[in-house]
Structures are given as C-alpha cells and as structure tokens.
C-alpha cells in the first residue's frame, strides 16, 4: 500500500450495519509512501497513526469523489 499526504484511507465496513471509515492521510511513514500513516479521521476529527489492514484502501481525492458519486447514484436508484 502506497500513499502520499492528501490521499484518503478508506476502511470498508465489516458488517451490513457498519458504513466503514475514512480519513485524510496527513503524513506517511517512509519516503516511498508505505505505512504507518498519520490519518485525520473524518467522523471524529481525531488524528492517529495507522497501520492499515487488508480491509483498507488508499484513494486520491478525485477517486473518493467518484466513489461517493456512485454510492449516491445507487442509493437514489434504490429509493425510486
């Protein structure tokens, strides 16, 4: 997993009732972009050092916006 400051760490929900978590990567642990990452979590605004597990992905800001757009479209389609 490779990241740079400004990317987003997205952790998928482990159950149907959990929406997952996302946070902005503020710094990376190595010059090559490998973990650990310092992440500011969107839901709590808490900053933590994170070693991501297999349920996590790193995405750029544009990719995150696209993921949100697709999720919104799916929700809108289901409710119609």
PDB file of N, CA and C in Angstrom:
ATOM      1  N   UNK A   1       0.855  -1.164   0.000  1.00  0.00           N
ATOM      2  CA  UNK A   1       0.000   0.000   0.000  1.00  0.00           C
ATOM      3  C   UNK A   1       0.904   1.231   0.000  1.00  0.00           C
ATOM      4  N   UNK A   2       0.669   2.099  -0.969  1.00  0.00           N
ATOM      5  CA  UNK A   2       1.464   3.312  -1.136  1.00  0.00           C
ATOM      6  C   UNK A   2       0.522   4.516  -1.090  1.00  0.00           C
ATOM      7  N   UNK A   3       0.930   5.551  -0.360  1.00  0.00           N
ATOM      8  CA  UNK A   3       0.104   6.756  -0.241  1.00  0.00           C
ATOM      9  C   UNK A   3       0.995   7.984  -0.198  1.00  0.00           C
ATOM     10  N   UNK A   4       0.332   9.122  -0.311  1.00  0.00           N
ATOM     11  CA  UNK A   4       1.011  10.404  -0.148  1.00  0.00           C
ATOM     12  C   UNK A   4       0.080  11.316   0.647  1.00  0.00           C
ATOM     13  N   UNK A   5       0.639  12.315   1.311  1.00  0.00           N
ATOM     14  CA  UNK A   5      -0.233  13.248   2.029  1.00  0.00           C
ATOM     15  C   UNK A   5      -1.293  13.820   1.094  1.00  0.00           C
ATOM     16  N   UNK A   6      -2.520  13.890   1.605  1.00  0.00           N
ATOM     17  CA  UNK A   6      -3.650  14.368   0.800  1.00  0.00           C
ATOM     18  C   UNK A   6      -4.504  13.244   0.253  1.00  0.00           C
ATOM     19  N   UNK A   7      -3.953  12.015   0.207  1.00  0.00           N
ATOM     20  CA  UNK A   7      -4.762  10.853  -0.162  1.00  0.00           C
ATOM     21  C   UNK A   7      -5.716  10.528   0.989  1.00  0.00           C
ATOM     22  N   UNK A   8      -6.619   9.601   0.728  1.00  0.00           N
ATOM     23  CA  UNK A   8      -7.600   9.191   1.735  1.00  0.00           C
ATOM     24  C   UNK A   8      -7.452   7.706   2.023  1.00  0.00           C
ATOM     25  N   UNK A   9      -7.552   7.361   3.290  1.00  0.00           N
ATOM     26  CA  UNK A   9      -7.577   5.966   3.720  1.00  0.00           C
ATOM     27  C   UNK A   9      -9.038   5.605   3.939  1.00  0.00           C
ATOM     28  N   UNK A  10      -9.506   4.600   3.233  1.00  0.00           N
ATOM     29  CA  UNK A  10     -10.903   4.172   3.317  1.00  0.00           C
ATOM     30  C   UNK A  10     -10.920   2.739   3.835  1.00  0.00           C
ATOM     31  N   UNK A  11     -11.613   2.539   4.951  1.00  0.00           N
ATOM     32  CA  UNK A  11     -11.731   1.207   5.547  1.00  0.00           C
ATOM     33  C   UNK A  11     -13.162   0.754   5.364  1.00  0.00           C
ATOM     34  N   UNK A  12     -13.337  -0.395   4.756  1.00  0.00           N
ATOM     35  CA  UNK A  12     -14.685  -0.887   4.483  1.00  0.00           C
ATOM     36  C   UNK A  12     -15.356  -1.353   5.765  1.00  0.00           C
ATOM     37  N   UNK A  13     -16.687  -1.253   5.781  1.00  0.00           N
ATOM     38  CA  UNK A  13     -17.460  -1.725   6.921  1.00  0.00           C
ATOM     39  C   UNK A  13     -17.369  -3.233   7.035  1.00  0.00           C
ATOM     40  N   UNK A  14     -17.295  -3.722   8.247  1.00  0.00           N
ATOM     41  CA  UNK A  14     -17.142  -5.171   8.467  1.00  0.00           C
ATOM     42  C   UNK A  14     -18.476  -5.910   8.478  1.00  0.00           C
ATOM     43  N   UNK A  15     -19.561  -5.177   8.645  1.00  0.00           N
ATOM     44  CA  UNK A  15     -20.882  -5.798   8.643  1.00  0.00           C
ATOM     45  C   UNK A  15     -21.817  -4.954   7.778  1.00  0.00           C
ATOM     46  N   UNK A  16     -23.012  -5.463   7.562  1.00  0.00           N
ATOM     47  CA  UNK A  16     -24.005  -4.698   6.808  1.00  0.00           C
ATOM     48  C   UNK A  16     -24.430  -3.440   7.548  1.00  0.00           C
ATOM     49  N   UNK A  17     -24.242  -3.418   8.873  1.00  0.00           N
ATOM     50  CA  UNK A  17     -24.680  -2.287   9.684  1.00  0.00           C
ATOM     51  C   UNK A  17     -23.565  -1.279   9.940  1.00  0.00           C
ATOM     52  N   UNK A  18     -22.390  -1.532   9.409  1.00  0.00           N
ATOM     53  CA  UNK A  18     -21.255  -0.645   9.595  1.00  0.00           C
ATOM     54  C   UNK A  18     -20.887  -0.018   8.261  1.00  0.00           C
ATOM     55  N   UNK A  19     -20.816   1.315   8.231  1.00  0.00           N
ATOM     56  CA  UNK A  19     -20.559   2.001   6.966  1.00  0.00           C
ATOM     57  C   UNK A  19     -19.076   2.164   6.665  1.00  0.00           C
ATOM     58  N   UNK A  20     -18.220   1.759   7.564  1.00  0.00           N
ATOM     59  CA  UNK A  20     -16.796   1.910   7.332  1.00  0.00           C
ATOM     60  C   UNK A  20     -16.307   3.243   7.845  1.00  0.00           C
ATOM     61  N   UNK A  21     -15.099   3.562   7.444  1.00  0.00           N
ATOM     62  CA  UNK A  21     -14.461   4.763   7.967  1.00  0.00           C
ATOM     63  C   UNK A  21     -13.528   5.341   6.921  1.00  0.00           C
ATOM     64  N   UNK A  22     -13.331   6.635   6.959  1.00  0.00           N
ATOM     65  CA  UNK A  22     -12.385   7.262   6.045  1.00  0.00           C
ATOM     66  C   UNK A  22     -11.683   8.417   6.752  1.00  0.00           C
ATOM     67  N   UNK A  23     -10.439   8.625   6.321  1.00  0.00           N
ATOM     68  CA  UNK A  23      -9.677   9.716   6.904  1.00  0.00           C
ATOM     69  C   UNK A  23      -8.648  10.225   5.919  1.00  0.00           C
ATOM     70  N   UNK A  24      -8.282  11.481   6.078  1.00  0.00           N
ATOM     71  CA  UNK A  24      -7.271  12.087   5.216  1.00  0.00           C
ATOM     72  C   UNK A  24      -5.886  11.730   5.732  1.00  0.00           C
ATOM     73  N   UNK A  25      -5.032  11.309   4.829  1.00  0.00           N
ATOM     74  CA  UNK A  25      -3.660  10.978   5.184  1.00  0.00           C
ATOM     75  C   UNK A  25      -2.863  12.282   5.259  1.00  0.00           C
ATOM     76  N   UNK A  26      -2.350  12.566   6.453  1.00  0.00           N
ATOM     77  CA  UNK A  26      -1.595  13.790   6.678  1.00  0.00           C
ATOM     78  C   UNK A  26      -0.105  13.594   6.437  1.00  0.00           C
ATOM     79  N   UNK A  27       0.399  12.403   6.770  1.00  0.00           N
ATOM     80  CA  UNK A  27       1.810  12.104   6.533  1.00  0.00           C
ATOM     81  C   UNK A  27       1.989  10.600   6.383  1.00  0.00           C
ATOM     82  N   UNK A  28       3.082  10.221   5.748  1.00  0.00           N
ATOM     83  CA  UNK A  28       3.396   8.810   5.514  1.00  0.00           C
ATOM     84  C   UNK A  28       4.684   8.451   6.249  1.00  0.00           C
ATOM     85  N   UNK A  29       4.853   7.161   6.523  1.00  0.00           N
ATOM     86  CA  UNK A  29       5.958   6.705   7.349  1.00  0.00           C
ATOM     87  C   UNK A  29       7.287   6.535   6.656  1.00  0.00           C
ATOM     88  N   UNK A  30       7.293   6.554   5.333  1.00  0.00           N
ATOM     89  CA  UNK A  30       8.546   6.344   4.619  1.00  0.00           C
ATOM     90  C   UNK A  30       8.559   7.186   3.344  1.00  0.00           C
ATOM     91  N   UNK A  31       9.740   7.451   2.816  1.00  0.00           N
ATOM     92  CA  UNK A  31       9.814   8.220   1.566  1.00  0.00           C
ATOM     93  C   UNK A  31       9.101   7.545   0.396  1.00  0.00           C
ATOM     94  N   UNK A  32       8.971   6.225   0.455  1.00  0.00           N
ATOM     95  CA  UNK A  32       8.298   5.508  -0.631  1.00  0.00           C
ATOM     96  C   UNK A  32       6.782   5.479  -0.466  1.00  0.00           C
ATOM     97  N   UNK A  33       6.251   6.046   0.642  1.00  0.00           N
ATOM     98  CA  UNK A  33       4.804   6.122   0.827  1.00  0.00           C
ATOM     99  C   UNK A  33       4.180   4.946   1.540  1.00  0.00           C
ATOM    100  N   UNK A  34       4.992   4.125   2.175  1.00  0.00           N
ATOM    101  CA  UNK A  34       4.466   2.967   2.905  1.00  0.00           C
ATOM    102  C   UNK A  34       4.030   3.373   4.316  1.00  0.00           C
ATOM    103  N   UNK A  35       3.169   2.562   4.942  1.00  0.00           N
ATOM    104  CA  UNK A  35       2.720   2.846   6.307  1.00  0.00           C
ATOM    105  C   UNK A  35       3.879   2.804   7.299  1.00  0.00           C
ATOM    106  N   UNK A  36       3.649   3.367   8.474  1.00  0.00           N
ATOM    107  CA  UNK A  36       2.374   3.860   9.004  1.00  0.00           C
ATOM    108  C   UNK A  36       2.019   5.225   8.420  1.00  0.00           C
ATOM    109  N   UNK A  37       0.719   5.539   8.518  1.00  0.00           N
ATOM    110  CA  UNK A  37       0.201   6.814   8.060  1.00  0.00           C
ATOM    111  C   UNK A  37      -0.361   7.590   9.247  1.00  0.00           C
ATOM    112  N   UNK A  38      -0.175   8.884   9.234  1.00  0.00           N
ATOM    113  CA  UNK A  38      -0.880   9.733  10.185  1.00  0.00           C
ATOM    114  C   UNK A  38      -2.165  10.159   9.486  1.00  0.00           C
ATOM    115  N   UNK A  39      -3.282   9.815  10.099  1.00  0.00           N
ATOM    116  CA  UNK A  39      -4.598   9.993   9.472  1.00  0.00           C
ATOM    117  C   UNK A  39      -5.494  10.840  10.368  1.00  0.00           C
ATOM    118  N   UNK A  40      -6.193  11.793   9.759  1.00  0.00           N
ATOM    119  CA  UNK A  40      -7.229  12.544  10.466  1.00  0.00           C
ATOM    120  C   UNK A  40      -8.569  11.966  10.038  1.00  0.00           C
ATOM    121  N   UNK A  41      -9.230  11.286  10.984  1.00  0.00           N
ATOM    122  CA  UNK A  41     -10.493  10.611  10.683  1.00  0.00           C
ATOM    123  C   UNK A  41     -11.602  11.632  10.469  1.00  0.00           C
ATOM    124  N   UNK A  42     -12.375  11.425   9.428  1.00  0.00           N
ATOM    125  CA  UNK A  42     -13.456  12.332   9.062  1.00  0.00           C
ATOM    126  C   UNK A  42     -14.582  12.315  10.097  1.00  0.00           C
ATOM    127  N   UNK A  43     -14.895  11.148  10.651  1.00  0.00           N
ATOM    128  CA  UNK A  43     -16.040  11.033  11.557  1.00  0.00           C
ATOM    129  C   UNK A  43     -15.793  11.631  12.941  1.00  0.00           C
ATOM    130  N   UNK A  44     -14.545  11.633  13.408  1.00  0.00           N
ATOM    131  CA  UNK A  44     -14.257  12.128  14.760  1.00  0.00           C
ATOM    132  C   UNK A  44     -13.296  13.308  14.786  1.00  0.00           C
ATOM    133  N   UNK A  45     -12.644  13.586  13.658  1.00  0.00           N
ATOM    134  CA  UNK A  45     -11.594  14.590  13.543  1.00  0.00           C
ATOM    135  C   UNK A  45     -10.391  14.260  14.437  1.00  0.00           C
ATOM    136  N   UNK A  46     -10.329  13.029  14.919  1.00  0.00           N
ATOM    137  CA  UNK A  46      -9.198  12.545  15.706  1.00  0.00           C
ATOM    138  C   UNK A  46      -8.046  12.197  14.772  1.00  0.00           C
ATOM    139  N   UNK A  47      -6.824  12.500  15.191  1.00  0.00           N
ATOM    140  CA  UNK A  47      -5.646  12.166  14.408  1.00  0.00           C
ATOM    141  C   UNK A  47      -4.957  10.975  15.051  1.00  0.00           C
ATOM    142  N   UNK A  48      -4.584   9.980  14.235  1.00  0.00           N
ATOM    143  CA  UNK A  48      -3.965   8.770  14.752  1.00  0.00           C
ATOM    144  C   UNK A  48      -2.930   8.237  13.774  1.00  0.00           C
ATOM    145  N   UNK A  49      -1.979   7.485  14.303  1.00  0.00           N
ATOM    146  CA  UNK A  49      -1.021   6.759  13.473  1.00  0.00           C
ATOM    147  C   UNK A  49      -1.655   5.407  13.167  1.00  0.00           C
ATOM    148  N   UNK A  50      -1.700   5.050  11.880  1.00  0.00           N
ATOM    149  CA  UNK A  50      -2.435   3.873  11.438  1.00  0.00           C
ATOM    150  C   UNK A  50      -1.547   2.962  10.602  1.00  0.00           C
ATOM    151  N   UNK A  51      -1.598   1.680  10.908  1.00  0.00           N
ATOM    152  CA  UNK A  51      -1.039   0.635  10.065  1.00  0.00           C
ATOM    153  C   UNK A  51      -2.241  -0.060   9.427  1.00  0.00           C
ATOM    154  N   UNK A  52      -2.604   0.286   8.187  1.00  0.00           N
ATOM    155  CA  UNK A  52      -3.827  -0.240   7.569  1.00  0.00           C
ATOM    156  C   UNK A  52      -3.809  -1.758   7.425  1.00  0.00           C
ATOM    157  N   UNK A  53      -4.982  -2.335   7.603  1.00  0.00           N
ATOM    158  CA  UNK A  53      -5.159  -3.765   7.421  1.00  0.00           C
ATOM    159  C   UNK A  53      -5.660  -4.083   6.027  1.00  0.00           C
ATOM    160  N   UNK A  54      -6.021  -5.350   5.798  1.00  0.00           N
ATOM    161  CA  UNK A  54      -6.452  -5.773   4.468  1.00  0.00           C
ATOM    162  C   UNK A  54      -7.812  -5.216   4.042  1.00  0.00           C
ATOM    163  N   UNK A  55      -8.555  -4.644   4.972  1.00  0.00           N
ATOM    164  CA  UNK A  55      -9.860  -4.071   4.639  1.00  0.00           C
ATOM    165  C   UNK A  55      -9.764  -2.593   4.271  1.00  0.00           C
ATOM    166  N   UNK A  56      -8.534  -2.084   4.088  1.00  0.00           N
ATOM    167  CA  UNK A  56      -8.334  -0.669   3.792  1.00  0.00           C
ATOM    168  C   UNK A  56      -7.786  -0.473   2.384  1.00  0.00           C
ATOM    169  N   UNK A  57      -8.151   0.662   1.795  1.00  0.00           N
ATOM    170  CA  UNK A  57      -7.592   1.064   0.504  1.00  0.00           C
ATOM    171  C   UNK A  57      -7.177   2.535   0.599  1.00  0.00           C
ATOM    172  N   UNK A  58      -6.247   2.924  -0.243  1.00  0.00           N
ATOM    173  CA  UNK A  58      -5.830   4.314  -0.362  1.00  0.00           C
ATOM    174  C   UNK A  58      -6.360   4.838  -1.682  1.00  0.00           C
ATOM    175  N   UNK A  59      -7.021   5.988  -1.637  1.00  0.00           N
ATOM    176  CA  UNK A  59      -7.543   6.600  -2.854  1.00  0.00           C
ATOM    177  C   UNK A  59      -7.205   8.088  -2.861  1.00  0.00           C
ATOM    178  N   UNK A  60      -7.068   8.637  -4.047  1.00  0.00           N
ATOM    179  CA  UNK A  60      -6.868  10.072  -4.202  1.00  0.00           C
ATOM    180  C   UNK A  60      -8.186  10.798  -4.019  1.00  0.00           C
ATOM    181  N   UNK A  61      -8.112  12.113  -3.891  1.00  0.00           N
ATOM    182  CA  UNK A  61      -9.312  12.921  -3.661  1.00  0.00           C
ATOM    183  C   UNK A  61     -10.323  12.772  -4.800  1.00  0.00           C
ATOM    184  N   UNK A  62      -9.855  12.762  -6.037  1.00  0.00           N
ATOM    185  CA  UNK A  62     -10.771  12.628  -7.185  1.00  0.00           C
ATOM    186  C   UNK A  62     -11.447  11.261  -7.178  1.00  0.00           C
ATOM    187  N   UNK A  63     -10.699  10.220  -6.841  1.00  0.00           N
ATOM    188  CA  UNK A  63     -11.284   8.877  -6.776  1.00  0.00           C
ATOM    189  C   UNK A  63     -12.322   8.788  -5.664  1.00  0.00           C
ATOM    190  N   UNK A  64     -12.055   9.441  -4.533  1.00  0.00           N
ATOM    191  CA  UNK A  64     -13.011   9.437  -3.431  1.00  0.00           C
ATOM    192  C   UNK A  64     -14.314  10.122  -3.840  1.00  0.00           C
ATOM    193  N   UNK A  65     -14.204  11.246  -4.542  1.00  0.00           N
ATOM    194  CA  UNK A  65     -15.400  11.939  -5.029  1.00  0.00           C
ATOM    195  C   UNK A  65     -16.205  11.048  -5.972  1.00  0.00           C
ATOM    196  N   UNK A  66     -15.509  10.313  -6.839  1.00  0.00           N
ATOM    197  CA  UNK A  66     -16.189   9.402  -7.763  1.00  0.00           C
ATOM    198  C   UNK A  66     -16.877   8.268  -7.006  1.00  0.00           C
ATOM    199  N   UNK A  67     -16.211   7.720  -5.990  1.00  0.00           N
ATOM    200  CA  UNK A  67     -16.819   6.664  -5.172  1.00  0.00           C
ATOM    201  C   UNK A  67     -18.099   7.179  -4.513  1.00  0.00           C
ATOM    202  N   UNK A  68     -18.046   8.398  -3.975  1.00  0.00           N
ATOM    203  CA  UNK A  68     -19.223   8.981  -3.331  1.00  0.00           C
ATOM    204  C   UNK A  68     -20.345   9.216  -4.333  1.00  0.00           C
ATOM    205  N   UNK A  69     -19.982   9.681  -5.533  1.00  0.00           N
ATOM    206  CA  UNK A  69     -20.995   9.926  -6.571  1.00  0.00           C
ATOM    207  C   UNK A  69     -21.703   8.638  -6.950  1.00  0.00           C
ATOM    208  N   UNK A  70     -20.930   7.555  -7.127  1.00  0.00           N
ATOM    209  CA  UNK A  70     -21.535   6.267  -7.481  1.00  0.00           C
ATOM    210  C   UNK A  70     -22.408   5.727  -6.357  1.00  0.00           C
ATOM    211  N   UNK A  71     -21.957   5.891  -5.117  1.00  0.00           N
ATOM    212  CA  UNK A  71     -22.754   5.428  -3.980  1.00  0.00           C
ATOM    213  C   UNK A  71     -24.070   6.193  -3.895  1.00  0.00           C
ATOM    214  N   UNK A  72     -24.013   7.496  -4.114  1.00  0.00           N
ATOM    215  CA  UNK A  72     -25.229   8.307  -4.096  1.00  0.00           C
ATOM    216  C   UNK A  72     -26.177   7.891  -5.212  1.00  0.00           C
ATOM    217  N   UNK A  73     -25.644   7.598  -6.389  1.00  0.00           N
ATOM    218  CA  UNK A  73     -26.473   7.161  -7.504  1.00  0.00           C
ATOM    219  C   UNK A  73     -27.159   5.828  -7.195  1.00  0.00           C
ATOM    220  N   UNK A  74     -26.432   4.913  -6.541  1.00  0.00           N
ATOM    221  CA  UNK A  74     -27.030   3.624  -6.157  1.00  0.00           C
ATOM    222  C   UNK A  74     -28.161   3.840  -5.164  1.00  0.00           C
ATOM    223  N   UNK A  75     -27.954   4.727  -4.183  1.00  0.00           N
ATOM    224  CA  UNK A  75     -28.989   4.985  -3.185  1.00  0.00           C
ATOM    225  C   UNK A  75     -30.205   5.639  -3.816  1.00  0.00           C
ATOM    226  N   UNK A  76     -29.977   6.559  -4.727  1.00  0.00           N
ATOM    227  CA  UNK A  76     -31.076   7.237  -5.408  1.00  0.00           C
ATOM    228  C   UNK A  76     -31.858   6.247  -6.267  1.00  0.00           C
ATOM    229  N   UNK A  77     -31.148   5.356  -6.946  1.00  0.00           N
ATOM    230  CA  UNK A  77     -31.789   4.354  -7.789  1.00  0.00           C
ATOM    231  C   UNK A  77     -32.636   3.387  -6.956  1.00  0.00           C
ATOM    232  N   UNK A  78     -32.148   2.977  -5.798  1.00  0.00           N
ATOM    233  CA  UNK A  78     -32.908   2.067  -4.924  1.00  0.00           C
ATOM    234  C   UNK A  78     -34.178   2.686  -4.388  1.00  0.00           C
ATOM    235  N   UNK A  79     -34.138   3.991  -4.107  1.00  0.00           N
ATOM    236  CA  UNK A  79     -35.303   4.634  -3.495  1.00  0.00           C
ATOM    237  C   UNK A  79     -36.366   5.039  -4.505  1.00  0.00           C
ATOM    238  N   UNK A  80     -36.064   4.916  -5.811  1.00  0.00           N
ATOM    239  CA  UNK A  80     -37.071   5.298  -6.802  1.00  0.00           C
ATOM    240  C   UNK A  80     -37.942   4.151  -7.189  1.00  0.00           C
TER     241      UNK A  80
END
